[in-house]
Amino acid sequence: MDNVRGHEIELTNYAVKRLSEELGDSVSIVGPKNANERGGLISFNIRGLDPYVVATLLSTKNIAVRAGYHCAQPLHEFIGFKDGSVRASFYIYNDFSDIDTFINALKESVELRT
């Protein structure tokens, strides 16, 4: 299980880093940036795009994410995500190329916004 957690941390750190580098101010990530302080998932929003639109756009690229309140509507409203967030998760069956594909698809979604 230590190996599983180590893999999860590597993937999550890589995903947070890529999100921040590639999408900059267009992305708002919920929670700590350090994967040691979070699980293998990232909740986020893309400025100017509804979370459900982002999830739908990603689904057209065969990328499965969740959109909504994730059983935490009061928290979402408190942090200013009144429409919920997008949540991506990573585990043993994912690798760095999956995250690269995910980031590239997100970048295309952001381009659609403008």
Protein backbone atom coordinates (compact mmCIF):
# COMPACT_ATOMS: atom_id res chain seq x y z
CA MET A 1 0.00 0.00 0.00
CA ASP A 2 2.97 2.33 0.54
CA ASN A 3 3.84 1.88 -3.15
CA VAL A 4 0.27 2.66 -4.15
CA ARG A 5 0.28 5.83 -2.05
CA GLY A 6 3.68 6.82 -3.41
CA HIS A 7 2.41 6.46 -7.00
CA GLU A 8 -0.70 8.45 -6.14
CA ILE A 9 1.40 11.26 -4.65
CA GLU A 10 3.68 11.39 -7.71
CA LEU A 11 0.72 11.60 -10.09
CA THR A 12 -1.14 14.19 -8.03
CA ASN A 13 1.94 16.40 -7.62
CA TYR A 14 2.57 16.16 -11.36
CA ALA A 15 -1.05 17.03 -12.17
CA VAL A 16 -1.13 20.04 -9.81
CA LYS A 17 2.17 21.28 -11.25
CA ARG A 18 0.99 20.89 -14.85
CA LEU A 19 -2.37 22.53 -14.11
CA SER A 20 -0.64 25.52 -12.57
CA GLU A 21 2.02 25.82 -15.27
CA GLU A 22 -0.19 25.25 -18.30
CA LEU A 23 -3.39 26.99 -17.23
CA GLY A 24 -2.05 29.63 -14.85
CA ASP A 25 -4.71 32.05 -13.66
CA SER A 26 -7.41 30.21 -15.63
CA VAL A 27 -7.53 27.41 -13.08
CA SER A 28 -8.55 27.51 -9.40
CA ILE A 29 -7.53 24.42 -7.46
CA VAL A 30 -9.28 23.53 -4.21
CA GLY A 31 -7.06 22.54 -1.32
CA PRO A 32 -3.33 22.24 -0.73
CA LYS A 33 -0.95 22.05 -3.68
CA ASN A 34 1.20 19.40 -1.95
CA ALA A 35 -0.08 15.89 -2.66
CA ASN A 36 1.22 14.70 0.71
CA GLU A 37 -1.59 16.80 2.21
CA ARG A 38 -4.36 15.49 -0.04
CA GLY A 39 -5.62 12.30 -1.61
CA GLY A 40 -5.26 11.29 -5.24
CA LEU A 41 -7.80 13.75 -6.52
CA ILE A 42 -7.97 17.36 -7.54
CA SER A 43 -11.08 19.54 -7.49
CA PHE A 44 -10.80 22.64 -9.63
CA ASN A 45 -12.61 25.14 -11.79
CA ILE A 46 -11.71 26.82 -15.05
CA ARG A 47 -12.54 30.52 -14.95
CA GLY A 48 -15.39 31.39 -17.27
CA LEU A 49 -16.54 27.78 -17.77
CA ASP A 50 -19.26 25.97 -15.88
CA PRO A 51 -17.94 22.76 -14.24
CA TYR A 52 -20.52 20.68 -16.11
CA VAL A 53 -19.39 22.18 -19.42
CA VAL A 54 -15.76 21.30 -18.61
CA ALA A 55 -16.77 17.73 -17.73
CA THR A 56 -18.77 17.43 -20.95
CA LEU A 57 -15.92 18.80 -23.07
CA LEU A 58 -13.49 16.35 -21.44
CA SER A 59 -15.90 13.48 -22.00
CA THR A 60 -15.73 14.15 -25.76
CA LYS A 61 -12.02 13.31 -25.42
CA ASN A 62 -12.81 10.09 -23.47
CA ILE A 63 -11.66 11.65 -20.19
CA ALA A 64 -13.92 10.88 -17.25
CA VAL A 65 -14.18 13.45 -14.47
CA ARG A 66 -16.96 14.35 -12.07
CA ALA A 67 -18.70 17.72 -11.89
CA GLY A 68 -20.88 19.03 -9.09
CA TYR A 69 -20.76 19.60 -5.37
CA HIS A 70 -19.26 16.19 -4.46
CA CYS A 71 -21.44 15.97 -1.33
CA ALA A 72 -20.04 19.30 -0.11
CA GLN A 73 -22.35 22.06 -1.36
CA PRO A 74 -21.92 24.31 1.71
CA LEU A 75 -18.14 24.14 1.32
CA HIS A 76 -18.35 24.97 -2.38
CA GLU A 77 -20.54 27.96 -1.67
CA PHE A 78 -18.21 29.09 1.13
CA ILE A 79 -15.14 29.05 -1.13
CA GLY A 80 -17.04 30.80 -3.92
CA PHE A 81 -17.63 27.83 -6.22
CA LYS A 82 -21.39 28.36 -6.34
CA ASP A 83 -21.81 26.01 -9.32
CA GLY A 84 -19.65 23.23 -7.90
CA SER A 85 -16.30 22.05 -9.25
CA VAL A 86 -14.68 19.52 -11.54
CA ARG A 87 -12.93 16.60 -9.86
CA ALA A 88 -10.23 14.46 -11.44
CA SER A 89 -8.86 11.44 -9.63
CA PHE A 90 -5.71 9.38 -10.08
CA TYR A 91 -4.80 5.90 -8.93
CA ILE A 92 -2.66 2.85 -9.74
CA TYR A 93 -4.12 2.45 -13.23
CA ASN A 94 -3.03 5.96 -14.28
CA ASP A 95 0.35 7.18 -15.46
CA PHE A 96 1.94 10.48 -16.43
CA SER A 97 0.74 10.21 -20.03
CA ASP A 98 -2.87 10.14 -18.77
CA ILE A 99 -2.27 13.42 -16.99
CA ASP A 100 -0.65 14.92 -20.09
CA THR A 101 -3.73 13.93 -22.13
CA PHE A 102 -5.98 15.43 -19.44
CA ILE A 103 -4.05 18.72 -19.37
CA ASN A 104 -4.01 19.03 -23.16
CA ALA A 105 -7.77 18.50 -23.29
CA LEU A 106 -8.26 21.11 -20.57
CA LYS A 107 -6.14 23.58 -22.51
CA GLU A 108 -8.39 23.04 -25.55
CA SER A 109 -11.43 23.71 -23.33
CA VAL A 110 -9.92 26.97 -22.11
CA GLU A 111 -9.28 28.02 -25.71
CA LEU A 112 -12.97 27.47 -26.47
CA ARG A 113 -13.83 29.94 -23.73
CA THR A 114 -12.19 32.86 -25.53
